[in-house]
Amino acid sequence: MIFPFIVLDRQINRNVTKHERIHFEQAKELLVIPYYLLYIANYLINLLRFLNHTDAYLNVLFEKEAYMYQHNFNYIDKRKPYAWLR
């Protein structure tokens, strides 16, 4: 997701689409640039903490929310602002 675009391959399944739409909502509520700055900062802190890319990435707050709810197709309609903080 590169705000305001969600770039997807034709082969992508609905869960990936939902995952990226959750990121879109996160970026929108943070007015885009702060979203990317927080994402990068959170990733770098996690990289120091876990010392590997996969664990650092999976523990980014924004990714945790997106992975947790990508299977819930009603989530975006019911999502509360700043849900990634919970």
Protein backbone atom coordinates (compact mmCIF):
# COMPACT_ATOMS: atom_id res chain seq x y z
CA MET A 1 0.00 0.00 0.00
CA ILE A 2 1.45 3.30 -1.10
CA PHE A 3 -1.14 5.84 -0.06
CA PRO A 4 -3.55 6.51 -1.74
CA PHE A 5 -2.99 3.42 -3.88
CA ILE A 6 -3.29 -0.25 -3.05
CA VAL A 7 -1.16 -2.07 -5.60
CA LEU A 8 -2.21 -5.69 -6.03
CA ASP A 9 -1.38 -8.52 -8.38
CA ARG A 10 -4.30 -10.23 -10.14
CA GLN A 11 -3.43 -13.43 -8.29
CA ILE A 12 -3.84 -11.86 -4.82
CA ASN A 13 -6.55 -13.34 -2.61
CA ARG A 14 -9.22 -11.49 -0.64
CA ASN A 15 -7.30 -11.73 2.64
CA VAL A 16 -4.36 -9.81 1.21
CA THR A 17 -6.73 -7.20 -0.17
CA LYS A 18 -8.37 -6.81 3.25
CA HIS A 19 -4.93 -6.64 4.91
CA GLU A 20 -3.91 -3.78 2.61
CA ARG A 21 -7.23 -1.97 3.12
CA ILE A 22 -6.58 -2.04 6.88
CA HIS A 23 -3.21 -0.36 6.21
CA PHE A 24 -5.03 2.21 4.08
CA GLU A 25 -7.32 3.04 7.02
CA GLN A 26 -4.33 3.26 9.38
CA ALA A 27 -2.52 5.66 7.04
CA LYS A 28 -5.65 7.75 6.54
CA GLU A 29 -6.26 8.22 10.26
CA LEU A 30 -2.64 9.26 10.83
CA LEU A 31 -2.59 11.61 7.83
CA VAL A 32 -0.16 9.43 5.83
CA ILE A 33 3.35 10.75 6.61
CA PRO A 34 3.16 10.08 10.37
CA TYR A 35 1.95 6.56 9.51
CA TYR A 36 5.08 5.84 7.48
CA LEU A 37 7.35 7.45 10.08
CA LEU A 38 5.79 5.42 12.91
CA TYR A 39 5.89 2.26 10.81
CA ILE A 40 9.61 2.66 10.09
CA ALA A 41 10.42 3.63 13.68
CA ASN A 42 8.47 0.67 15.07
CA TYR A 43 10.18 -1.68 12.61
CA LEU A 44 13.68 -0.38 13.51
CA ILE A 45 13.01 -0.68 17.24
CA ASN A 46 11.75 -4.23 16.68
CA LEU A 47 14.80 -5.03 14.58
CA LEU A 48 17.05 -4.04 17.50
CA ARG A 49 14.84 -6.02 19.85
CA PHE A 50 14.49 -9.24 17.83
CA LEU A 51 17.62 -9.04 15.65
CA ASN A 52 15.86 -10.48 12.60
CA HIS A 53 13.65 -9.05 9.87
CA THR A 54 10.73 -11.49 10.11
CA ASP A 55 10.12 -10.99 13.82
CA ALA A 56 10.66 -7.24 13.51
CA TYR A 57 8.13 -7.01 10.67
CA LEU A 58 5.50 -9.25 12.29
CA ASN A 59 5.65 -7.20 15.49
CA VAL A 60 5.09 -3.81 13.87
CA LEU A 61 1.89 -2.54 15.52
CA PHE A 62 0.24 -1.84 12.16
CA GLU A 63 1.03 -5.32 10.86
CA LYS A 64 -0.31 -6.99 13.99
CA GLU A 65 -3.70 -5.36 13.50
CA ALA A 66 -3.76 -6.08 9.75
CA TYR A 67 -2.83 -9.75 10.17
CA MET A 68 -5.22 -10.22 13.08
CA TYR A 69 -8.25 -8.93 11.18
CA GLN A 70 -7.51 -9.69 7.51
CA HIS A 71 -9.91 -12.66 7.65
CA ASN A 72 -12.75 -10.61 9.13
CA PHE A 73 -14.53 -9.10 6.14
CA ASN A 74 -16.68 -6.78 8.28
CA TYR A 75 -13.74 -5.41 10.25
CA ILE A 76 -13.17 -2.14 8.38
CA ASP A 77 -16.82 -1.13 8.80
CA LYS A 78 -16.62 -1.71 12.57
CA ARG A 79 -12.98 -0.71 13.13
CA LYS A 80 -12.40 1.89 15.83
CA PRO A 81 -9.88 4.69 15.27
CA TYR A 82 -6.34 3.89 16.38
CA ALA A 83 -7.18 0.20 16.80
CA TRP A 84 -3.50 -0.60 16.17
CA LEU A 85 -2.73 0.80 19.65
CA ARG A 86 -4.83 -1.87 21.38
